PDB file of N, CA and C in Angstrom:
ATOM      1  N   UNK A   1       0.927  -1.221   0.159  1.00  0.00           N
ATOM      2  CA  UNK A   1      -0.128   0.091   0.103  1.00  0.00           C
ATOM      3  C   UNK A   1       1.163   1.136   0.003  1.00  0.00           C
ATOM      4  N   UNK A   2       2.165   1.129   0.580  1.00  0.00           N
ATOM      5  CA  UNK A   2       2.928   2.358   0.466  1.00  0.00           C
ATOM      6  C   UNK A   2       3.402   2.888  -0.775  1.00  0.00           C
ATOM      7  N   UNK A   3       3.535   1.906  -1.637  1.00  0.00           N
ATOM      8  CA  UNK A   3       3.640   2.306  -3.191  1.00  0.00           C
ATOM      9  C   UNK A   3       2.359   2.421  -3.733  1.00  0.00           C
ATOM     10  N   UNK A   4       1.391   2.550  -3.483  1.00  0.00           N
ATOM     11  CA  UNK A   4       0.167   3.356  -3.942  1.00  0.00           C
ATOM     12  C   UNK A   4       0.274   4.492  -3.404  1.00  0.00           C
ATOM     13  N   UNK A   5       0.500   4.967  -2.082  1.00  0.00           N
ATOM     14  CA  UNK A   5       0.596   6.179  -1.860  1.00  0.00           C
ATOM     15  C   UNK A   5       1.656   7.060  -2.636  1.00  0.00           C
ATOM     16  N   UNK A   6       2.759   6.216  -2.603  1.00  0.00           N
ATOM     17  CA  UNK A   6       3.864   7.090  -3.535  1.00  0.00           C
ATOM     18  C   UNK A   6       3.767   7.645  -4.832  1.00  0.00           C
ATOM     19  N   UNK A   7       3.038   6.316  -5.535  1.00  0.00           N
ATOM     20  CA  UNK A   7       2.485   6.923  -6.944  1.00  0.00           C
ATOM     21  C   UNK A   7       1.438   7.766  -7.287  1.00  0.00           C
ATOM     22  N   UNK A   8       0.737   7.550  -5.977  1.00  0.00           N
ATOM     23  CA  UNK A   8      -0.381   8.603  -6.047  1.00  0.00           C
ATOM     24  C   UNK A   8       0.035  10.368  -5.773  1.00  0.00           C
ATOM     25  N   UNK A   9       1.249  10.176  -4.847  1.00  0.00           N
ATOM     26  CA  UNK A   9       1.900  11.778  -4.481  1.00  0.00           C
ATOM     27  C   UNK A   9       2.419  12.259  -6.135  1.00  0.00           C
ATOM     28  N   UNK A  10       3.316  11.314  -6.835  1.00  0.00           N
ATOM     29  CA  UNK A  10       3.684  11.801  -8.068  1.00  0.00           C
ATOM     30  C   UNK A  10       2.906  11.978  -9.098  1.00  0.00           C
ATOM     31  N   UNK A  11       1.583  11.899  -8.782  1.00  0.00           N
ATOM     32  CA  UNK A  11       0.315  12.030  -9.770  1.00  0.00           C
ATOM     33  C   UNK A  11       0.790  10.809 -11.140  1.00  0.00           C
ATOM     34  N   UNK A  12       1.224   9.634 -10.974  1.00  0.00           N
ATOM     35  CA  UNK A  12       1.045   8.766 -11.815  1.00  0.00           C
ATOM     36  C   UNK A  12      -0.597   7.955 -11.860  1.00  0.00           C
ATOM     37  N   UNK A  13      -1.091   8.077 -10.391  1.00  0.00           N
ATOM     38  CA  UNK A  13      -2.682   7.675 -10.287  1.00  0.00           C
ATOM     39  C   UNK A  13      -3.191   8.959  -9.964  1.00  0.00           C
ATOM     40  N   UNK A  14      -4.536   9.074 -10.264  1.00  0.00           N
ATOM     41  CA  UNK A  14      -5.413  10.071  -9.707  1.00  0.00           C
ATOM     42  C   UNK A  14      -6.199   9.333  -8.433  1.00  0.00           C
ATOM     43  N   UNK A  15      -6.849   8.452  -8.473  1.00  0.00           N
ATOM     44  CA  UNK A  15      -7.651   7.841  -7.436  1.00  0.00           C
ATOM     45  C   UNK A  15      -7.340   6.840  -6.445  1.00  0.00           C
ATOM     46  N   UNK A  16      -6.209   7.551  -5.622  1.00  0.00           N
ATOM     47  CA  UNK A  16      -5.614   6.178  -4.771  1.00  0.00           C
ATOM     48  C   UNK A  16      -6.466   5.367  -4.059  1.00  0.00           C
ATOM     49  N   UNK A  17      -7.501   5.836  -3.766  1.00  0.00           N
ATOM     50  CA  UNK A  17      -8.595   4.573  -2.863  1.00  0.00           C
ATOM     51  C   UNK A  17      -9.311   3.593  -4.146  1.00  0.00           C
ATOM     52  N   UNK A  18      -9.135   3.820  -5.224  1.00  0.00           N
ATOM     53  CA  UNK A  18      -9.729   2.674  -6.055  1.00  0.00           C
ATOM     54  C   UNK A  18      -8.346   1.746  -6.008  1.00  0.00           C
ATOM     55  N   UNK A  19      -7.208   2.463  -6.487  1.00  0.00           N
ATOM     56  CA  UNK A  19      -6.109   1.483  -6.266  1.00  0.00           C
ATOM     57  C   UNK A  19      -6.234   0.632  -5.102  1.00  0.00           C
ATOM     58  N   UNK A  20      -6.248   1.243  -4.024  1.00  0.00           N
ATOM     59  CA  UNK A  20      -6.309   0.437  -2.576  1.00  0.00           C
ATOM     60  C   UNK A  20      -7.525  -0.499  -2.497  1.00  0.00           C
ATOM     61  N   UNK A  21      -8.862  -0.293  -2.863  1.00  0.00           N
ATOM     62  CA  UNK A  21      -9.743  -1.033  -3.140  1.00  0.00           C
ATOM     63  C   UNK A  21      -9.125  -2.543  -4.264  1.00  0.00           C
ATOM     64  N   UNK A  22      -8.640  -2.104  -5.380  1.00  0.00           N
ATOM     65  CA  UNK A  22      -7.937  -3.369  -6.499  1.00  0.00           C
ATOM     66  C   UNK A  22      -7.243  -4.216  -5.516  1.00  0.00           C
ATOM     67  N   UNK A  23      -6.300  -3.660  -4.880  1.00  0.00           N
ATOM     68  CA  UNK A  23      -5.093  -4.465  -3.843  1.00  0.00           C
ATOM     69  C   UNK A  23      -6.255  -5.361  -2.898  1.00  0.00           C
ATOM     70  N   UNK A  24      -7.204  -4.896  -2.482  1.00  0.00           N
ATOM     71  CA  UNK A  24      -8.286  -5.793  -1.569  1.00  0.00           C
ATOM     72  C   UNK A  24      -8.698  -6.609  -2.309  1.00  0.00           C
ATOM     73  N   UNK A  25      -9.225  -6.295  -3.609  1.00  0.00           N
ATOM     74  CA  UNK A  25      -9.948  -7.295  -4.052  1.00  0.00           C
ATOM     75  C   UNK A  25      -9.076  -8.453  -4.713  1.00  0.00           C
ATOM     76  N   UNK A  26      -7.860  -8.035  -5.069  1.00  0.00           N
ATOM     77  CA  UNK A  26      -6.915  -9.269  -5.267  1.00  0.00           C
ATOM     78  C   UNK A  26      -6.693 -10.000  -4.476  1.00  0.00           C
ATOM     79  N   UNK A  27      -6.786  -9.679  -3.051  1.00  0.00           N
ATOM     80  CA  UNK A  27      -6.584 -10.348  -1.885  1.00  0.00           C
ATOM     81  C   UNK A  27      -7.639 -10.967  -1.636  1.00  0.00           C
ATOM     82  N   UNK A  28      -9.127 -10.732  -1.785  1.00  0.00           N
ATOM     83  CA  UNK A  28     -10.161 -11.518  -1.869  1.00  0.00           C
ATOM     84  C   UNK A  28     -10.355 -12.643  -2.696  1.00  0.00           C
ATOM     85  N   UNK A  29      -9.937 -12.327  -3.934  1.00  0.00           N
ATOM     86  CA  UNK A  29     -10.257 -13.431  -5.042  1.00  0.00           C
ATOM     87  C   UNK A  29      -9.354 -14.477  -4.826  1.00  0.00           C
ATOM     88  N   UNK A  30      -8.112 -14.280  -4.240  1.00  0.00           N
ATOM     89  CA  UNK A  30      -7.101 -15.290  -4.047  1.00  0.00           C
ATOM     90  C   UNK A  30      -7.851 -16.534  -3.368  1.00  0.00           C
ATOM     91  N   UNK A  31      -8.821 -16.254  -2.472  1.00  0.00           N
ATOM     92  CA  UNK A  31      -9.260 -17.497  -1.666  1.00  0.00           C
ATOM     93  C   UNK A  31     -10.769 -17.478  -1.732  1.00  0.00           C
ATOM     94  N   UNK A  32     -11.429 -17.079  -2.974  1.00  0.00           N
ATOM     95  CA  UNK A  32     -12.905 -17.196  -2.818  1.00  0.00           C
ATOM     96  C   UNK A  32     -13.192 -18.191  -3.759  1.00  0.00           C
ATOM     97  N   UNK A  33     -14.074 -18.922  -3.292  1.00  0.00           N
ATOM     98  CA  UNK A  33     -14.962 -19.944  -4.107  1.00  0.00           C
ATOM     99  C   UNK A  33     -16.232 -19.821  -4.520  1.00  0.00           C
ATOM    100  N   UNK A  34     -16.804 -18.858  -3.771  1.00  0.00           N
ATOM    101  CA  UNK A  34     -18.137 -18.359  -3.908  1.00  0.00           C
ATOM    102  C   UNK A  34     -18.459 -17.854  -5.720  1.00  0.00           C
ATOM    103  N   UNK A  35     -19.249 -18.401  -6.155  1.00  0.00           N
ATOM    104  CA  UNK A  35     -19.351 -18.073  -7.679  1.00  0.00           C
ATOM    105  C   UNK A  35     -20.182 -16.835  -7.787  1.00  0.00           C
ATOM    106  N   UNK A  36     -21.242 -16.641  -6.991  1.00  0.00           N
ATOM    107  CA  UNK A  36     -21.769 -15.217  -7.051  1.00  0.00           C
ATOM    108  C   UNK A  36     -20.820 -14.216  -6.974  1.00  0.00           C
ATOM    109  N   UNK A  37     -19.904 -14.011  -5.886  1.00  0.00           N
ATOM    110  CA  UNK A  37     -19.104 -12.846  -5.552  1.00  0.00           C
ATOM    111  C   UNK A  37     -18.003 -13.050  -6.566  1.00  0.00           C
ATOM    112  N   UNK A  38     -17.735 -13.983  -7.344  1.00  0.00           N
ATOM    113  CA  UNK A  38     -16.551 -14.031  -8.462  1.00  0.00           C
ATOM    114  C   UNK A  38     -16.986 -13.386  -9.432  1.00  0.00           C
ATOM    115  N   UNK A  39     -18.410 -13.720  -9.576  1.00  0.00           N
ATOM    116  CA  UNK A  39     -18.917 -12.541 -10.996  1.00  0.00           C
ATOM    117  C   UNK A  39     -19.029 -11.258 -10.492  1.00  0.00           C
ATOM    118  N   UNK A  40     -19.371 -10.734  -9.232  1.00  0.00           N
ATOM    119  CA  UNK A  40     -19.370  -9.410  -8.921  1.00  0.00           C
ATOM    120  C   UNK A  40     -18.138  -9.097  -8.930  1.00  0.00           C
ATOM    121  N   UNK A  41     -17.351  -9.487  -8.472  1.00  0.00           N
ATOM    122  CA  UNK A  41     -15.728  -8.991  -8.682  1.00  0.00           C
ATOM    123  C   UNK A  41     -15.381  -8.733 -10.041  1.00  0.00           C
ATOM    124  N   UNK A  42     -15.526  -9.647 -10.762  1.00  0.00           N
ATOM    125  CA  UNK A  42     -15.158  -9.617 -12.305  1.00  0.00           C
ATOM    126  C   UNK A  42     -15.754  -8.494 -12.959  1.00  0.00           C
ATOM    127  N   UNK A  43     -16.948  -7.940 -12.655  1.00  0.00           N
ATOM    128  CA  UNK A  43     -17.782  -6.914 -13.125  1.00  0.00           C
ATOM    129  C   UNK A  43     -17.139  -5.524 -12.641  1.00  0.00           C
ATOM    130  N   UNK A  44     -16.565  -5.630 -11.224  1.00  0.00           N
ATOM    131  CA  UNK A  44     -16.126  -4.677 -10.645  1.00  0.00           C
ATOM    132  C   UNK A  44     -14.769  -4.242 -11.416  1.00  0.00           C
ATOM    133  N   UNK A  45     -13.999  -5.247 -11.432  1.00  0.00           N
ATOM    134  CA  UNK A  45     -12.425  -5.311 -12.370  1.00  0.00           C
ATOM    135  C   UNK A  45     -12.844  -4.726 -13.661  1.00  0.00           C
ATOM    136  N   UNK A  46     -13.890  -5.220 -14.570  1.00  0.00           N
ATOM    137  CA  UNK A  46     -13.991  -4.701 -15.723  1.00  0.00           C
ATOM    138  C   UNK A  46     -14.148  -3.066 -15.816  1.00  0.00           C
ATOM    139  N   UNK A  47     -15.199  -2.576 -14.877  1.00  0.00           N
ATOM    140  CA  UNK A  47     -15.654  -1.392 -14.645  1.00  0.00           C
ATOM    141  C   UNK A  47     -15.015  -0.415 -14.050  1.00  0.00           C
ATOM    142  N   UNK A  48     -13.964  -0.551 -13.065  1.00  0.00           N
ATOM    143  CA  UNK A  48     -13.327   0.260 -12.244  1.00  0.00           C
ATOM    144  C   UNK A  48     -11.990   0.002 -12.535  1.00  0.00           C
ATOM    145  N   UNK A  49     -11.213  -1.002 -12.425  1.00  0.00           N
ATOM    146  CA  UNK A  49     -10.027  -1.610 -12.287  1.00  0.00           C
ATOM    147  C   UNK A  49      -9.274  -1.305 -13.877  1.00  0.00           C
ATOM    148  N   UNK A  50      -9.867  -1.813 -14.609  1.00  0.00           N
ATOM    149  CA  UNK A  50      -9.191  -1.789 -16.037  1.00  0.00           C
ATOM    150  C   UNK A  50      -8.985  -0.577 -16.384  1.00  0.00           C
ATOM    151  N   UNK A  51     -10.169   0.231 -16.468  1.00  0.00           N
ATOM    152  CA  UNK A  51      -9.617   1.896 -16.831  1.00  0.00           C
ATOM    153  C   UNK A  51      -8.398   2.456 -16.100  1.00  0.00           C
ATOM    154  N   UNK A  52      -8.363   2.455 -14.740  1.00  0.00           N
ATOM    155  CA  UNK A  52      -7.192   2.968 -13.923  1.00  0.00           C
ATOM    156  C   UNK A  52      -5.962   2.117 -14.485  1.00  0.00           C
ATOM    157  N   UNK A  53      -5.800   0.834 -14.636  1.00  0.00           N
ATOM    158  CA  UNK A  53      -4.737   0.528 -15.118  1.00  0.00           C
ATOM    159  C   UNK A  53      -4.172   1.082 -16.738  1.00  0.00           C
ATOM    160  N   UNK A  54      -5.202   1.050 -17.495  1.00  0.00           N
ATOM    161  CA  UNK A  54      -4.997   1.866 -18.877  1.00  0.00           C
ATOM    162  C   UNK A  54      -4.536   3.403 -18.626  1.00  0.00           C
ATOM    163  N   UNK A  55      -5.141   3.924 -17.698  1.00  0.00           N
ATOM    164  CA  UNK A  55      -4.860   5.032 -17.323  1.00  0.00           C
ATOM    165  C   UNK A  55      -3.081   5.119 -17.048  1.00  0.00           C
ATOM    166  N   UNK A  56      -2.849   4.423 -16.180  1.00  0.00           N
ATOM    167  CA  UNK A  56      -1.350   4.501 -15.635  1.00  0.00           C
ATOM    168  C   UNK A  56      -0.649   3.851 -16.718  1.00  0.00           C
ATOM    169  N   UNK A  57      -0.980   2.796 -17.644  1.00  0.00           N
ATOM    170  CA  UNK A  57      -0.232   2.398 -18.555  1.00  0.00           C
ATOM    171  C   UNK A  57       0.349   3.870 -19.541  1.00  0.00           C
ATOM    172  N   UNK A  58      -0.968   4.547 -19.820  1.00  0.00           N
ATOM    173  CA  UNK A  58      -0.736   5.953 -20.575  1.00  0.00           C
ATOM    174  C   UNK A  58       0.362   6.518 -20.152  1.00  0.00           C
ATOM    175  N   UNK A  59       0.282   6.963 -18.770  1.00  0.00           N
ATOM    176  CA  UNK A  59       0.960   7.904 -18.110  1.00  0.00           C
ATOM    177  C   UNK A  59       2.534   7.460 -18.024  1.00  0.00           C
ATOM    178  N   UNK A  60       2.896   6.070 -17.973  1.00  0.00           N
ATOM    179  CA  UNK A  60       3.881   5.699 -17.985  1.00  0.00           C
ATOM    180  C   UNK A  60       4.587   5.829 -19.193  1.00  0.00           C
ATOM    181  N   UNK A  61       3.923   5.641 -20.411  1.00  0.00           N
ATOM    182  CA  UNK A  61       4.384   5.795 -21.892  1.00  0.00           C
ATOM    183  C   UNK A  61       4.772   6.942 -22.024  1.00  0.00           C
ATOM    184  N   UNK A  62       3.972   7.943 -21.341  1.00  0.00           N
ATOM    185  CA  UNK A  62       4.386   9.487 -21.733  1.00  0.00           C
ATOM    186  C   UNK A  62       5.552  10.260 -20.712  1.00  0.00           C
ATOM    187  N   UNK A  63       5.635   9.445 -19.858  1.00  0.00           N
ATOM    188  CA  UNK A  63       6.203  10.211 -18.671  1.00  0.00           C
ATOM    189  C   UNK A  63       7.522   9.168 -17.984  1.00  0.00           C
ATOM    190  N   UNK A  64       7.863   8.274 -19.055  1.00  0.00           N
ATOM    191  CA  UNK A  64       8.869   7.199 -18.591  1.00  0.00           C
ATOM    192  C   UNK A  64      10.043   7.999 -17.916  1.00  0.00           C
ATOM    193  N   UNK A  65      10.724   8.982 -18.455  1.00  0.00           N
ATOM    194  CA  UNK A  65      12.041   9.283 -17.742  1.00  0.00           C
ATOM    195  C   UNK A  65      11.755  10.030 -16.948  1.00  0.00           C
ATOM    196  N   UNK A  66      10.637  11.082 -16.550  1.00  0.00           N
ATOM    197  CA  UNK A  66      10.300  11.902 -15.533  1.00  0.00           C
ATOM    198  C   UNK A  66       9.625  10.616 -14.279  1.00  0.00           C
ATOM    199  N   UNK A  67       9.019   9.764 -14.442  1.00  0.00           N
ATOM    200  CA  UNK A  67       8.577   8.705 -13.572  1.00  0.00           C
ATOM    201  C   UNK A  67       9.749   8.144 -12.719  1.00  0.00           C
ATOM    202  N   UNK A  68      10.826   8.103 -13.590  1.00  0.00           N
ATOM    203  CA  UNK A  68      12.291   7.502 -12.693  1.00  0.00           C
ATOM    204  C   UNK A  68      12.825   8.221 -11.899  1.00  0.00           C
ATOM    205  N   UNK A  69      12.879   9.459 -12.470  1.00  0.00           N
ATOM    206  CA  UNK A  69      13.326  10.603 -11.495  1.00  0.00           C
ATOM    207  C   UNK A  69      12.606  10.695 -10.438  1.00  0.00           C
ATOM    208  N   UNK A  70      11.082  10.866 -10.488  1.00  0.00           N
ATOM    209  CA  UNK A  70      10.483  11.132  -9.310  1.00  0.00           C
ATOM    210  C   UNK A  70      10.655   9.857  -8.382  1.00  0.00           C
ATOM    211  N   UNK A  71      10.566   8.644  -8.823  1.00  0.00           N
ATOM    212  CA  UNK A  71      10.669   7.567  -8.066  1.00  0.00           C
ATOM    213  C   UNK A  71      11.985   7.459  -7.339  1.00  0.00           C
ATOM    214  N   UNK A  72      13.067   7.721  -8.024  1.00  0.00           N
ATOM    215  CA  UNK A  72      14.333   7.946  -7.030  1.00  0.00           C
ATOM    216  C   UNK A  72      14.333   9.040  -6.103  1.00  0.00           C
ATOM    217  N   UNK A  73      13.696   9.795  -6.340  1.00  0.00           N
ATOM    218  CA  UNK A  73      13.337  10.907  -5.467  1.00  0.00           C
ATOM    219  C   UNK A  73      12.670  10.747  -4.213  1.00  0.00           C
ATOM    220  N   UNK A  74      11.254  10.203  -4.385  1.00  0.00           N
ATOM    221  CA  UNK A  74      10.790   9.807  -3.369  1.00  0.00           C
ATOM    222  C   UNK A  74      11.196   8.548  -2.594  1.00  0.00           C
ATOM    223  N   UNK A  75      12.174   8.051  -2.824  1.00  0.00           N
ATOM    224  CA  UNK A  75      12.642   6.727  -2.578  1.00  0.00           C
ATOM    225  C   UNK A  75      14.431   6.836  -2.199  1.00  0.00           C
ATOM    226  N   UNK A  76      14.404   8.033  -1.993  1.00  0.00           N
ATOM    227  CA  UNK A  76      15.604   8.435  -1.767  1.00  0.00           C
ATOM    228  C   UNK A  76      16.671   7.686  -2.206  1.00  0.00           C
ATOM    229  N   UNK A  77      16.963   7.364  -3.522  1.00  0.00           N
ATOM    230  CA  UNK A  77      17.714   6.370  -4.320  1.00  0.00           C
ATOM    231  C   UNK A  77      18.908   7.203  -5.035  1.00  0.00           C
TER     232      UNK A  77
END
């Protein structure tokens, strides 16, 4: 979760809580055997998480050199 906060600070992601939700859902799906819950989670992945992953991908393509500089800066590298 600390990395989600860090990439939110350097504006690679806009909606930090959605990323935290995605992480929580990932943890839930690891041990879920309830078909109805899985169907619900898949829909949420499609509607909420795929768009933010696509947004991050586009930002990384545009800012790749700047991202590395910021990442090193916030991690004291």
